[in-house]
Amino acid sequence: MAAGVISERASILLKTLVEHHIQDGQPVGSGTLLKVAGLPVSAATIRNVMSDLEERGYLQSPHTSAGRVPTALGYRLFVDTLLQIQAPEDDAVSALRAELNPDKSATELVQAASSLLSNITAQAGLVTVPRQEASQLRQVEFLPLSGNRVLVILVVNEREVQNRIIHTQRPFTEAQLRDAAAMVNQRYAGQALIQVQDRILHEMQEARSQIDSYLEDALQLASKALDQEYEAEECMMVGESRLLGSASASAEEMSTLRDLFESFEQKKDLLHLLERCTRADGVQIFIGEEAGYDVFGNYSVVTAPYTDGFRTLGVLGVIGPKRMEYARVIPIVDVTARMLSSALTV
């Protein structure tokens, strides 16, 4: 929406109304705007301007009040042309710098990012885990345990070390496991995990056809080790309960909130929305129905992609009511994405 779609006077009144509504969540009347906007006009003039904004779809009148509230279109005009972005608070930047430590694993970093976003913005924070194709196998070790159990030490993306136990069909000696790990590392180290899994499945078939039991054993160990790599959730969310604080006690709004929570449980709609964000540059803002799903009708989603310095790994952001403090939330999401990217850069 281009700046100049509405007059300067209408812009000032819309900006004032939106900011006032963000602060207290109540419909804003012409008398309040007359006091707050500081324009040398009469209350009748303000009512006429508000009526015009309502006819254009930027405002609406709740049934129970003579005042008006912004629509999703009004918020969009506000965000695109009238919003004055604030610099992130020093305390917030210090907290981000302390928690998004490059020495942490990728999993620890995305967990910290979602918690920080929720705590700093007082909204629900979310982060998608690094995309599978972005994770690379660095090294694997197999160590024998009692019974048919093997301890797997998996190094992913240089810094992330994972330990897990797998069960095998027969016992292996320490020497056999050492040789199997050497073979796997020689074949696959430095490759994307998703490609490694595809190659292992293909080569296992070849090993069977060639009756190469030694190679097949090594590939089966590697396959079992990597099968667990993708059991983690695709999206981490923190602070969903904060959305309750912004909801009114009306049956309609609580029903909408329940639908949103059910969507969070399934995560299908949310993941589709976030996948769209991975293909965009910088901060993306979806206000109400702009997200493309009915459950987001009363809420806004602010996201930004994060990278490893070369490619997009995932998306982080917040979900909150349409009347969230965009001036404060947008820069927080932006700086969090930049600092997470810096911590993940290898």
C-alpha atoms as a PDB file:
ATOM      1  CA  MET A   1       0.000   0.000   0.000  1.00  0.00           C
ATOM      2  CA  ALA A   2       1.655   3.194  -1.187  1.00  0.00           C
ATOM      3  CA  ALA A   3       2.057   6.161   1.140  1.00  0.00           C
ATOM      4  CA  GLY A   4      -0.337   8.887  -0.123  1.00  0.00           C
ATOM      5  CA  VAL A   5      -3.349   6.578  -0.469  1.00  0.00           C
ATOM      6  CA  ILE A   6      -4.940   8.649   2.290  1.00  0.00           C
ATOM      7  CA  SER A   7      -4.454  12.305   3.188  1.00  0.00           C
ATOM      8  CA  GLU A   8      -1.865  13.539   5.660  1.00  0.00           C
ATOM      9  CA  ARG A   9      -4.598  14.354   8.167  1.00  0.00           C
ATOM     10  CA  ALA A  10      -6.097  10.869   7.807  1.00  0.00           C
ATOM     11  CA  SER A  11      -2.618   9.349   8.162  1.00  0.00           C
ATOM     12  CA  ILE A  12      -2.021  11.190  11.441  1.00  0.00           C
ATOM     13  CA  LEU A  13      -5.398  10.147  12.820  1.00  0.00           C
ATOM     14  CA  LEU A  14      -4.979   6.520  11.718  1.00  0.00           C
ATOM     15  CA  LYS A  15      -1.486   6.368  13.222  1.00  0.00           C
ATOM     16  CA  THR A  16      -2.745   7.850  16.490  1.00  0.00           C
ATOM     17  CA  LEU A  17      -5.713   5.504  16.621  1.00  0.00           C
ATOM     18  CA  VAL A  18      -3.611   2.391  15.947  1.00  0.00           C
ATOM     19  CA  GLU A  19      -0.994   3.334  18.546  1.00  0.00           C
ATOM     20  CA  HIS A  20      -3.700   4.033  21.124  1.00  0.00           C
ATOM     21  CA  HIS A  21      -5.445   0.739  20.353  1.00  0.00           C
ATOM     22  CA  ILE A  22      -2.150  -1.152  20.671  1.00  0.00           C
ATOM     23  CA  GLN A  23      -1.673   0.331  24.147  1.00  0.00           C
ATOM     24  CA  ASP A  24      -5.033  -0.517  25.707  1.00  0.00           C
ATOM     25  CA  GLY A  25      -6.910  -2.739  23.253  1.00  0.00           C
ATOM     26  CA  GLN A  26     -10.087  -0.631  23.466  1.00  0.00           C
ATOM     27  CA  PRO A  27     -12.050   1.041  20.651  1.00  0.00           C
ATOM     28  CA  VAL A  28     -10.933   4.624  20.112  1.00  0.00           C
ATOM     29  CA  GLY A  29     -13.502   7.428  19.820  1.00  0.00           C
ATOM     30  CA  SER A  30     -13.291  10.816  18.137  1.00  0.00           C
ATOM     31  CA  GLY A  31     -13.058  12.566  21.506  1.00  0.00           C
ATOM     32  CA  THR A  32      -9.914  10.647  22.398  1.00  0.00           C
ATOM     33  CA  LEU A  33      -8.353  11.384  19.001  1.00  0.00           C
ATOM     34  CA  LEU A  34      -9.189  15.072  19.406  1.00  0.00           C
ATOM     35  CA  LYS A  35      -7.167  15.131  22.643  1.00  0.00           C
ATOM     36  CA  VAL A  36      -4.279  12.917  21.579  1.00  0.00           C
ATOM     37  CA  ALA A  37      -3.676  13.691  17.896  1.00  0.00           C
ATOM     38  CA  GLY A  38      -3.013  17.391  18.451  1.00  0.00           C
ATOM     39  CA  LEU A  39      -4.664  18.495  15.188  1.00  0.00           C
ATOM     40  CA  PRO A  40      -6.349  21.915  14.978  1.00  0.00           C
ATOM     41  CA  VAL A  41      -9.654  20.436  13.825  1.00  0.00           C
ATOM     42  CA  SER A  42     -13.106  19.915  15.322  1.00  0.00           C
ATOM     43  CA  ALA A  43     -14.533  16.673  16.661  1.00  0.00           C
ATOM     44  CA  ALA A  44     -16.944  16.678  13.702  1.00  0.00           C
ATOM     45  CA  THR A  45     -14.024  16.758  11.253  1.00  0.00           C
ATOM     46  CA  ILE A  46     -12.368  13.846  13.035  1.00  0.00           C
ATOM     47  CA  ARG A  47     -15.628  11.867  12.900  1.00  0.00           C
ATOM     48  CA  ASN A  48     -15.853  12.512   9.157  1.00  0.00           C
ATOM     49  CA  VAL A  49     -12.265  11.345   8.597  1.00  0.00           C
ATOM     50  CA  MET A  50     -12.867   8.223  10.690  1.00  0.00           C
ATOM     51  CA  SER A  51     -16.029   7.459   8.721  1.00  0.00           C
ATOM     52  CA  ASP A  52     -14.070   7.762   5.503  1.00  0.00           C
ATOM     53  CA  LEU A  53     -11.351   5.437   6.827  1.00  0.00           C
ATOM     54  CA  GLU A  54     -14.035   2.973   7.820  1.00  0.00           C
ATOM     55  CA  GLU A  55     -15.611   3.071   4.364  1.00  0.00           C
ATOM     56  CA  ARG A  56     -12.176   2.367   2.857  1.00  0.00           C
ATOM     57  CA  GLY A  57     -11.768  -0.677   5.074  1.00  0.00           C
ATOM     58  CA  TYR A  58      -9.044   0.612   7.432  1.00  0.00           C
ATOM     59  CA  LEU A  59     -11.267   0.840  10.532  1.00  0.00           C
ATOM     60  CA  GLN A  60     -14.312  -0.948  11.884  1.00  0.00           C
ATOM     61  CA  SER A  61     -16.856  -0.235  14.600  1.00  0.00           C
ATOM     62  CA  PRO A  62     -17.470  -2.928  17.229  1.00  0.00           C
ATOM     63  CA  HIS A  63     -21.153  -3.408  17.927  1.00  0.00           C
ATOM     64  CA  THR A  64     -20.788  -2.471  21.585  1.00  0.00           C
ATOM     65  CA  SER A  65     -18.929   0.806  21.132  1.00  0.00           C
ATOM     66  CA  ALA A  66     -19.089   4.104  19.313  1.00  0.00           C
ATOM     67  CA  GLY A  67     -15.324   3.988  18.909  1.00  0.00           C
ATOM     68  CA  ARG A  68     -13.360   2.247  16.178  1.00  0.00           C
ATOM     69  CA  VAL A  69     -10.556  -0.310  15.944  1.00  0.00           C
ATOM     70  CA  PRO A  70      -8.104  -0.977  13.108  1.00  0.00           C
ATOM     71  CA  THR A  71      -8.794  -3.748  10.613  1.00  0.00           C
ATOM     72  CA  ALA A  72      -6.058  -5.982   9.215  1.00  0.00           C
ATOM     73  CA  LEU A  73      -5.915  -3.580   6.260  1.00  0.00           C
ATOM     74  CA  GLY A  74      -5.540  -0.637   8.643  1.00  0.00           C
ATOM     75  CA  TYR A  75      -2.707  -2.372  10.449  1.00  0.00           C
ATOM     76  CA  ARG A  76      -1.059  -3.138   7.107  1.00  0.00           C
ATOM     77  CA  LEU A  77      -1.151   0.523   6.091  1.00  0.00           C
ATOM     78  CA  PHE A  78       0.181   1.473   9.518  1.00  0.00           C
ATOM     79  CA  VAL A  79       3.065  -1.028   9.371  1.00  0.00           C
ATOM     80  CA  ASP A  80       4.007  -0.235   5.770  1.00  0.00           C
ATOM     81  CA  THR A  81       3.857   3.567   5.803  1.00  0.00           C
ATOM     82  CA  LEU A  82       3.324   5.035   9.285  1.00  0.00           C
ATOM     83  CA  LEU A  83       5.327   2.895  11.690  1.00  0.00           C
ATOM     84  CA  GLN A  84       8.390   4.331  13.416  1.00  0.00           C
ATOM     85  CA  ILE A  85      10.700   1.423  14.209  1.00  0.00           C
ATOM     86  CA  GLN A  86      12.446   1.543  17.585  1.00  0.00           C
ATOM     87  CA  ALA A  87      16.017   0.454  18.190  1.00  0.00           C
ATOM     88  CA  PRO A  88      16.175  -2.758  20.256  1.00  0.00           C
ATOM     89  CA  GLU A  89      16.642  -2.150  23.983  1.00  0.00           C
ATOM     90  CA  ASP A  90      20.187  -2.565  25.275  1.00  0.00           C
ATOM     91  CA  ASP A  91      19.032  -5.183  27.801  1.00  0.00           C
ATOM     92  CA  ALA A  92      17.462  -7.256  25.028  1.00  0.00           C
ATOM     93  CA  VAL A  93      20.577  -7.125  22.862  1.00  0.00           C
ATOM     94  CA  SER A  94      22.759  -8.075  25.849  1.00  0.00           C
ATOM     95  CA  ALA A  95      20.520 -11.078  26.612  1.00  0.00           C
ATOM     96  CA  LEU A  96      20.652 -12.215  22.988  1.00  0.00           C
ATOM     97  CA  ARG A  97      24.416 -11.856  22.853  1.00  0.00           C
ATOM     98  CA  ALA A  98      24.864 -13.843  26.062  1.00  0.00           C
ATOM     99  CA  GLU A  99      22.553 -16.726  25.116  1.00  0.00           C
ATOM    100  CA  LEU A 100      23.287 -17.049  21.386  1.00  0.00           C
ATOM    101  CA  ASN A 101      26.808 -18.269  22.041  1.00  0.00           C
ATOM    102  CA  PRO A 102      28.662 -19.755  19.031  1.00  0.00           C
ATOM    103  CA  ASP A 103      30.037 -22.508  21.277  1.00  0.00           C
ATOM    104  CA  LYS A 104      26.541 -23.983  21.661  1.00  0.00           C
ATOM    105  CA  SER A 105      25.173 -26.684  19.360  1.00  0.00           C
ATOM    106  CA  ALA A 106      22.633 -25.809  16.676  1.00  0.00           C
ATOM    107  CA  THR A 107      19.862 -27.431  18.720  1.00  0.00           C
ATOM    108  CA  GLU A 108      20.775 -25.438  21.826  1.00  0.00           C
ATOM    109  CA  LEU A 109      20.910 -22.224  19.813  1.00  0.00           C
ATOM    110  CA  VAL A 110      17.449 -22.580  18.254  1.00  0.00           C
ATOM    111  CA  GLN A 111      15.986 -23.505  21.643  1.00  0.00           C
ATOM    112  CA  ALA A 112      17.556 -20.404  23.162  1.00  0.00           C
ATOM    113  CA  ALA A 113      16.310 -18.238  20.290  1.00  0.00           C
ATOM    114  CA  SER A 114      12.660 -19.294  20.707  1.00  0.00           C
ATOM    115  CA  SER A 115      12.793 -18.709  24.485  1.00  0.00           C
ATOM    116  CA  LEU A 116      14.466 -15.335  24.088  1.00  0.00           C
ATOM    117  CA  LEU A 117      11.938 -14.158  21.519  1.00  0.00           C
ATOM    118  CA  SER A 118       9.060 -15.102  23.790  1.00  0.00           C
ATOM    119  CA  ASN A 119      10.570 -13.502  26.887  1.00  0.00           C
ATOM    120  CA  ILE A 120      11.666 -10.271  25.210  1.00  0.00           C
ATOM    121  CA  THR A 121       8.536  -9.641  23.128  1.00  0.00           C
ATOM    122  CA  ALA A 122       5.985 -11.204  25.551  1.00  0.00           C
ATOM    123  CA  GLN A 123       4.558 -13.125  22.586  1.00  0.00           C
ATOM    124  CA  ALA A 124       4.782 -16.762  21.525  1.00  0.00           C
ATOM    125  CA  GLY A 125       8.270 -17.398  20.138  1.00  0.00           C
ATOM    126  CA  LEU A 126       8.973 -19.936  17.415  1.00  0.00           C
ATOM    127  CA  VAL A 127      11.991 -21.248  15.538  1.00  0.00           C
ATOM    128  CA  THR A 128      12.170 -23.943  12.873  1.00  0.00           C
ATOM    129  CA  VAL A 129      15.044 -26.368  13.356  1.00  0.00           C
ATOM    130  CA  PRO A 130      17.861 -26.235  10.789  1.00  0.00           C
ATOM    131  CA  ARG A 131      16.707 -27.805   7.573  1.00  0.00           C
ATOM    132  CA  GLN A 132      17.852 -31.367   6.970  1.00  0.00           C
ATOM    133  CA  GLU A 133      19.721 -30.624   3.778  1.00  0.00           C
ATOM    134  CA  ALA A 134      21.784 -28.022   5.636  1.00  0.00           C
ATOM    135  CA  SER A 135      23.134 -30.518   8.202  1.00  0.00           C
ATOM    136  CA  GLN A 136      26.397 -32.249   7.326  1.00  0.00           C
ATOM    137  CA  LEU A 137      27.967 -35.390   8.701  1.00  0.00           C
ATOM    138  CA  ARG A 138      31.449 -34.741  10.063  1.00  0.00           C
ATOM    139  CA  GLN A 139      32.324 -37.922  11.917  1.00  0.00           C
ATOM    140  CA  VAL A 140      30.807 -41.005  13.483  1.00  0.00           C
ATOM    141  CA  GLU A 141      32.158 -43.440  16.086  1.00  0.00           C
ATOM    142  CA  PHE A 142      30.723 -46.768  17.218  1.00  0.00           C
ATOM    143  CA  LEU A 143      31.511 -48.218  20.661  1.00  0.00           C
ATOM    144  CA  PRO A 144      30.299 -51.635  21.930  1.00  0.00           C
ATOM    145  CA  LEU A 145      27.983 -51.887  24.926  1.00  0.00           C
ATOM    146  CA  SER A 146      26.566 -54.929  26.683  1.00  0.00           C
ATOM    147  CA  GLY A 147      24.262 -57.144  24.661  1.00  0.00           C
ATOM    148  CA  ASN A 148      23.517 -56.166  21.078  1.00  0.00           C
ATOM    149  CA  ARG A 149      23.814 -52.461  21.823  1.00  0.00           C
ATOM    150  CA  VAL A 150      26.150 -49.899  20.285  1.00  0.00           C
ATOM    151  CA  LEU A 151      26.913 -46.368  21.450  1.00  0.00           C
ATOM    152  CA  VAL A 152      26.953 -43.953  18.513  1.00  0.00           C
ATOM    153  CA  ILE A 153      28.881 -40.679  18.753  1.00  0.00           C
ATOM    154  CA  LEU A 154      27.744 -38.464  15.904  1.00  0.00           C
ATOM    155  CA  VAL A 155      29.385 -35.153  14.997  1.00  0.00           C
ATOM    156  CA  VAL A 156      27.221 -32.870  12.833  1.00  0.00           C
ATOM    157  CA  ASN A 157      28.118 -29.439  11.445  1.00  0.00           C
ATOM    158  CA  GLU A 158      31.485 -29.219  13.199  1.00  0.00           C
ATOM    159  CA  ARG A 159      30.233 -28.341  16.699  1.00  0.00           C
ATOM    160  CA  GLU A 160      27.174 -30.491  17.383  1.00  0.00           C
ATOM    161  CA  VAL A 161      27.935 -33.792  19.112  1.00  0.00           C
ATOM    162  CA  GLN A 162      25.134 -36.294  19.702  1.00  0.00           C
ATOM    163  CA  ASN A 163      25.280 -39.559  21.633  1.00  0.00           C
ATOM    164  CA  ARG A 164      22.716 -42.273  21.097  1.00  0.00           C
ATOM    165  CA  ILE A 165      22.310 -46.001  21.599  1.00  0.00           C
ATOM    166  CA  ILE A 166      21.219 -48.319  18.808  1.00  0.00           C
ATOM    167  CA  HIS A 167      20.282 -52.005  18.941  1.00  0.00           C
ATOM    168  CA  THR A 168      21.816 -54.401  16.418  1.00  0.00           C
ATOM    169  CA  GLN A 169      20.806 -57.849  15.255  1.00  0.00           C
ATOM    170  CA  ARG A 170      24.086 -59.360  16.486  1.00  0.00           C
ATOM    171  CA  PRO A 171      27.004 -58.322  18.707  1.00  0.00           C
ATOM    172  CA  PHE A 172      30.040 -56.525  17.253  1.00  0.00           C
ATOM    173  CA  THR A 173      33.589 -56.408  18.569  1.00  0.00           C
ATOM    174  CA  GLU A 174      35.335 -53.118  19.213  1.00  0.00           C
ATOM    175  CA  ALA A 175      37.600 -53.729  16.221  1.00  0.00           C
ATOM    176  CA  GLN A 176      34.629 -54.412  13.928  1.00  0.00           C
ATOM    177  CA  LEU A 177      32.909 -51.227  15.053  1.00  0.00           C
ATOM    178  CA  ARG A 178      36.093 -49.206  14.618  1.00  0.00           C
ATOM    179  CA  ASP A 179      36.506 -50.491  11.072  1.00  0.00           C
ATOM    180  CA  ALA A 180      32.841 -49.835  10.300  1.00  0.00           C
ATOM    181  CA  ALA A 181      33.125 -46.227  11.525  1.00  0.00           C
ATOM    182  CA  ALA A 182      36.274 -45.710   9.444  1.00  0.00           C
ATOM    183  CA  MET A 183      34.450 -46.965   6.354  1.00  0.00           C
ATOM    184  CA  VAL A 184      31.425 -44.701   6.983  1.00  0.00           C
ATOM    185  CA  ASN A 185      33.609 -41.651   7.614  1.00  0.00           C
ATOM    186  CA  GLN A 186      35.665 -42.313   4.492  1.00  0.00           C
ATOM    187  CA  ARG A 187      32.550 -42.633   2.330  1.00  0.00           C
ATOM    188  CA  TYR A 188      30.299 -39.925   3.727  1.00  0.00           C
ATOM    189  CA  ALA A 189      32.125 -37.342   5.879  1.00  0.00           C
ATOM    190  CA  GLY A 190      31.344 -33.800   4.738  1.00  0.00           C
ATOM    191  CA  GLN A 191      28.139 -34.727   2.904  1.00  0.00           C
ATOM    192  CA  ALA A 192      24.608 -33.532   3.676  1.00  0.00           C
ATOM    193  CA  LEU A 193      22.838 -35.952   6.016  1.00  0.00           C
ATOM    194  CA  ILE A 194      19.824 -36.313   3.767  1.00  0.00           C
ATOM    195  CA  GLN A 195      22.130 -37.306   0.889  1.00  0.00           C
ATOM    196  CA  VAL A 196      24.010 -39.718   3.144  1.00  0.00           C
ATOM    197  CA  GLN A 197      20.792 -41.522   4.034  1.00  0.00           C
ATOM    198  CA  ASP A 198      19.800 -41.841   0.379  1.00  0.00           C
ATOM    199  CA  ARG A 199      23.234 -43.185  -0.563  1.00  0.00           C
ATOM    200  CA  ILE A 200      23.265 -45.661   2.333  1.00  0.00           C
ATOM    201  CA  LEU A 201      19.907 -47.150   1.303  1.00  0.00           C
ATOM    202  CA  HIS A 202      21.110 -47.497  -2.297  1.00  0.00           C
ATOM    203  CA  GLU A 203      24.473 -49.018  -1.349  1.00  0.00           C
ATOM    204  CA  MET A 204      22.865 -51.451   1.103  1.00  0.00           C
ATOM    205  CA  GLN A 205      20.942 -52.935  -1.815  1.00  0.00           C
ATOM    206  CA  GLU A 206      24.159 -53.236  -3.803  1.00  0.00           C
ATOM    207  CA  ALA A 207      25.973 -54.850  -0.877  1.00  0.00           C
ATOM    208  CA  ARG A 208      23.237 -57.476  -0.543  1.00  0.00           C
ATOM    209  CA  SER A 209      23.330 -58.273  -4.241  1.00  0.00           C
ATOM    210  CA  GLN A 210      27.120 -58.678  -4.033  1.00  0.00           C
ATOM    211  CA  ILE A 211      26.874 -60.694  -0.781  1.00  0.00           C
ATOM    212  CA  ASP A 212      29.235 -58.167   0.831  1.00  0.00           C
ATOM    213  CA  SER A 213      28.207 -58.766   4.451  1.00  0.00           C
ATOM    214  CA  TYR A 214      31.053 -56.643   5.835  1.00  0.00           C
ATOM    215  CA  LEU A 215      29.924 -53.552   3.903  1.00  0.00           C
ATOM    216  CA  GLU A 216      26.273 -54.253   4.642  1.00  0.00           C
ATOM    217  CA  ASP A 217      26.947 -54.407   8.390  1.00  0.00           C
ATOM    218  CA  ALA A 218      28.706 -51.030   8.308  1.00  0.00           C
ATOM    219  CA  LEU A 219      25.876 -49.473   6.283  1.00  0.00           C
ATOM    220  CA  GLN A 220      23.216 -50.857   8.617  1.00  0.00           C
ATOM    221  CA  LEU A 221      25.009 -49.370  11.606  1.00  0.00           C
ATOM    222  CA  ALA A 222      25.168 -45.994   9.861  1.00  0.00           C
ATOM    223  CA  SER A 223      21.520 -46.207   8.801  1.00  0.00           C
ATOM    224  CA  LYS A 224      20.345 -46.924  12.361  1.00  0.00           C
ATOM    225  CA  ALA A 225      22.469 -44.067  13.678  1.00  0.00           C
ATOM    226  CA  LEU A 226      21.038 -41.548  11.211  1.00  0.00           C
ATOM    227  CA  ASP A 227      17.417 -42.740  11.409  1.00  0.00           C
ATOM    228  CA  GLN A 228      17.078 -40.946  14.756  1.00  0.00           C
ATOM    229  CA  GLU A 229      18.522 -37.732  13.391  1.00  0.00           C
ATOM    230  CA  TYR A 230      15.140 -36.479  12.214  1.00  0.00           C
ATOM    231  CA  GLU A 231      12.928 -37.477  15.121  1.00  0.00           C
ATOM    232  CA  ALA A 232      13.137 -33.983  16.650  1.00  0.00           C
ATOM    233  CA  GLU A 233      10.269 -31.563  16.078  1.00  0.00           C
ATOM    234  CA  GLU A 234      10.485 -29.402  12.972  1.00  0.00           C
ATOM    235  CA  CYS A 235       9.401 -26.306  14.886  1.00  0.00           C
ATOM    236  CA  MET A 236      10.065 -25.239  18.470  1.00  0.00           C
ATOM    237  CA  MET A 237       7.527 -22.993  20.180  1.00  0.00           C
ATOM    238  CA  VAL A 238       7.721 -21.270  23.540  1.00  0.00           C
ATOM    239  CA  GLY A 239       5.202 -19.049  25.319  1.00  0.00           C
ATOM    240  CA  GLU A 240       1.926 -20.080  23.679  1.00  0.00           C
ATOM    241  CA  SER A 241       0.233 -19.316  27.009  1.00  0.00           C
ATOM    242  CA  ARG A 242       1.175 -15.645  26.581  1.00  0.00           C
ATOM    243  CA  LEU A 243      -1.528 -15.420  23.932  1.00  0.00           C
ATOM    244  CA  LEU A 244      -4.114 -16.005  26.659  1.00  0.00           C
ATOM    245  CA  GLY A 245      -3.130 -12.709  28.261  1.00  0.00           C
ATOM    246  CA  SER A 246      -3.982 -10.789  25.115  1.00  0.00           C
ATOM    247  CA  ALA A 247      -7.342 -12.489  24.537  1.00  0.00           C
ATOM    248  CA  SER A 248     -10.613 -11.110  25.843  1.00  0.00           C
ATOM    249  CA  ALA A 249     -13.006 -13.264  27.839  1.00  0.00           C
ATOM    250  CA  SER A 250     -15.545 -13.364  24.999  1.00  0.00           C
ATOM    251  CA  ALA A 251     -16.677 -16.817  23.897  1.00  0.00           C
ATOM    252  CA  GLU A 252     -15.890 -15.973  20.265  1.00  0.00           C
ATOM    253  CA  GLU A 253     -12.279 -14.968  20.931  1.00  0.00           C
ATOM    254  CA  MET A 254     -11.629 -17.915  23.249  1.00  0.00           C
ATOM    255  CA  SER A 255     -13.000 -20.249  20.580  1.00  0.00           C
ATOM    256  CA  THR A 256     -10.651 -18.668  18.040  1.00  0.00           C
ATOM    257  CA  LEU A 257      -7.752 -19.110  20.435  1.00  0.00           C
ATOM    258  CA  ARG A 258      -8.608 -22.792  20.943  1.00  0.00           C
ATOM    259  CA  ASP A 259      -8.569 -23.275  17.172  1.00  0.00           C
ATOM    260  CA  LEU A 260      -5.155 -21.613  17.031  1.00  0.00           C
ATOM    261  CA  PHE A 261      -3.783 -23.869  19.789  1.00  0.00           C
ATOM    262  CA  GLU A 262      -5.089 -26.931  17.940  1.00  0.00           C
ATOM    263  CA  SER A 263      -3.291 -25.667  14.846  1.00  0.00           C
ATOM    264  CA  PHE A 264      -0.104 -25.374  16.900  1.00  0.00           C
ATOM    265  CA  GLU A 265      -0.486 -29.006  17.948  1.00  0.00           C
ATOM    266  CA  GLN A 266      -0.795 -30.182  14.358  1.00  0.00           C
ATOM    267  CA  LYS A 267       1.717 -27.581  13.102  1.00  0.00           C
ATOM    268  CA  LYS A 268       0.733 -28.232   9.495  1.00  0.00           C
ATOM    269  CA  ASP A 269      -0.540 -24.726   8.706  1.00  0.00           C
ATOM    270  CA  LEU A 270       2.218 -23.090  10.718  1.00  0.00           C
ATOM    271  CA  LEU A 271       4.970 -25.062   8.999  1.00  0.00           C
ATOM    272  CA  HIS A 272       3.540 -24.247   5.573  1.00  0.00           C
ATOM    273  CA  LEU A 273       3.541 -20.564   6.466  1.00  0.00           C
ATOM    274  CA  LEU A 274       7.124 -20.715   7.779  1.00  0.00           C
ATOM    275  CA  GLU A 275       8.268 -22.617   4.695  1.00  0.00           C
ATOM    276  CA  ARG A 276       7.069 -19.676   2.593  1.00  0.00           C
ATOM    277  CA  CYS A 277       9.172 -17.381   4.776  1.00  0.00           C
ATOM    278  CA  THR A 278      12.379 -19.347   4.099  1.00  0.00           C
ATOM    279  CA  ARG A 279      12.182 -18.219   0.481  1.00  0.00           C
ATOM    280  CA  ALA A 280      11.971 -14.515   1.393  1.00  0.00           C
ATOM    281  CA  ASP A 281      14.629 -12.026   2.438  1.00  0.00           C
ATOM    282  CA  GLY A 282      14.460 -10.158   5.724  1.00  0.00           C
ATOM    283  CA  VAL A 283      11.521  -9.652   8.058  1.00  0.00           C
ATOM    284  CA  GLN A 284       8.094 -10.840   6.893  1.00  0.00           C
ATOM    285  CA  ILE A 285       4.884  -9.646   8.554  1.00  0.00           C
ATOM    286  CA  PHE A 286       1.547 -11.438   8.171  1.00  0.00           C
ATOM    287  CA  ILE A 287      -1.401  -9.599   9.671  1.00  0.00           C
ATOM    288  CA  GLY A 288      -4.555 -11.597  10.311  1.00  0.00           C
ATOM    289  CA  GLU A 289      -5.901 -13.323   7.216  1.00  0.00           C
ATOM    290  CA  GLU A 290      -2.774 -12.402   5.240  1.00  0.00           C
ATOM    291  CA  ALA A 291      -1.234 -15.606   6.615  1.00  0.00           C
ATOM    292  CA  GLY A 292      -3.639 -17.533   4.407  1.00  0.00           C
ATOM    293  CA  TYR A 293      -5.257 -19.550   7.206  1.00  0.00           C
ATOM    294  CA  ASP A 294      -8.455 -18.766   9.106  1.00  0.00           C
ATOM    295  CA  VAL A 295      -6.952 -19.638  12.505  1.00  0.00           C
ATOM    296  CA  PHE A 296      -4.576 -16.665  12.231  1.00  0.00           C
ATOM    297  CA  GLY A 297      -7.433 -14.200  11.641  1.00  0.00           C
ATOM    298  CA  ASN A 298      -6.991 -12.381  14.981  1.00  0.00           C
ATOM    299  CA  TYR A 299      -3.204 -12.703  15.132  1.00  0.00           C
ATOM    300  CA  SER A 300      -0.058 -11.519  13.431  1.00  0.00           C
ATOM    301  CA  VAL A 301       3.099 -13.440  12.611  1.00  0.00           C
ATOM    302  CA  VAL A 302       6.470 -11.689  12.331  1.00  0.00           C
ATOM    303  CA  THR A 303       9.330 -13.804  10.967  1.00  0.00           C
ATOM    304  CA  ALA A 304      12.870 -13.594   9.650  1.00  0.00           C
ATOM    305  CA  PRO A 305      15.090 -16.306   8.118  1.00  0.00           C
ATOM    306  CA  TYR A 306      18.417 -17.298   9.657  1.00  0.00           C
ATOM    307  CA  THR A 307      21.457 -18.679   7.835  1.00  0.00           C
ATOM    308  CA  ASP A 308      24.873 -20.236   8.336  1.00  0.00           C
ATOM    309  CA  GLY A 309      26.486 -17.485   6.292  1.00  0.00           C
ATOM    310  CA  PHE A 310      25.862 -19.281   2.992  1.00  0.00           C
ATOM    311  CA  ARG A 311      22.311 -20.620   2.941  1.00  0.00           C
ATOM    312  CA  THR A 312      19.017 -20.335   4.777  1.00  0.00           C
ATOM    313  CA  LEU A 313      18.746 -22.862   7.607  1.00  0.00           C
ATOM    314  CA  GLY A 314      15.319 -21.978   8.986  1.00  0.00           C
ATOM    315  CA  VAL A 315      12.982 -19.257  10.203  1.00  0.00           C
ATOM    316  CA  LEU A 316      12.333 -17.639  13.577  1.00  0.00           C
ATOM    317  CA  GLY A 317       9.663 -15.259  14.738  1.00  0.00           C
ATOM    318  CA  VAL A 318       6.754 -14.503  17.031  1.00  0.00           C
ATOM    319  CA  ILE A 319       2.983 -14.923  16.998  1.00  0.00           C
ATOM    320  CA  GLY A 320       0.851 -12.406  18.828  1.00  0.00           C
ATOM    321  CA  PRO A 321      -2.366 -10.401  18.608  1.00  0.00           C
ATOM    322  CA  LYS A 322      -2.844  -8.044  15.681  1.00  0.00           C
ATOM    323  CA  ARG A 323      -2.360  -5.168  18.120  1.00  0.00           C
ATOM    324  CA  MET A 324       1.184  -6.236  19.039  1.00  0.00           C
ATOM    325  CA  GLU A 325       3.863  -3.566  19.425  1.00  0.00           C
ATOM    326  CA  TYR A 326       5.217  -3.788  15.880  1.00  0.00           C
ATOM    327  CA  ALA A 327       7.672  -0.941  16.459  1.00  0.00           C
ATOM    328  CA  ARG A 328       9.369  -3.037  19.143  1.00  0.00           C
ATOM    329  CA  VAL A 329       8.759  -6.589  17.902  1.00  0.00           C
ATOM    330  CA  ILE A 330      10.025  -6.169  14.322  1.00  0.00           C
ATOM    331  CA  PRO A 331      13.574  -5.054  15.248  1.00  0.00           C
ATOM    332  CA  ILE A 332      13.811  -7.770  17.942  1.00  0.00           C
ATOM    333  CA  VAL A 333      12.947 -10.478  15.423  1.00  0.00           C
ATOM    334  CA  ASP A 334      15.411  -8.978  12.947  1.00  0.00           C
ATOM    335  CA  VAL A 335      18.346  -8.731  15.366  1.00  0.00           C
ATOM    336  CA  THR A 336      17.653 -12.213  16.784  1.00  0.00           C
ATOM    337  CA  ALA A 337      17.813 -13.703  13.286  1.00  0.00           C
ATOM    338  CA  ARG A 338      21.071 -11.857  12.580  1.00  0.00           C
ATOM    339  CA  MET A 339      22.687 -12.935  15.852  1.00  0.00           C
ATOM    340  CA  LEU A 340      21.526 -16.559  15.464  1.00  0.00           C
ATOM    341  CA  SER A 341      22.961 -16.544  11.945  1.00  0.00           C
ATOM    342  CA  SER A 342      26.244 -15.229  13.262  1.00  0.00           C
ATOM    343  CA  ALA A 343      26.403 -17.934  15.925  1.00  0.00           C
ATOM    344  CA  LEU A 344      25.734 -20.645  13.317  1.00  0.00           C
ATOM    345  CA  THR A 345      28.216 -19.345  10.762  1.00  0.00           C
ATOM    346  CA  VAL A 346      31.061 -21.820  10.315  1.00  0.00           C
END
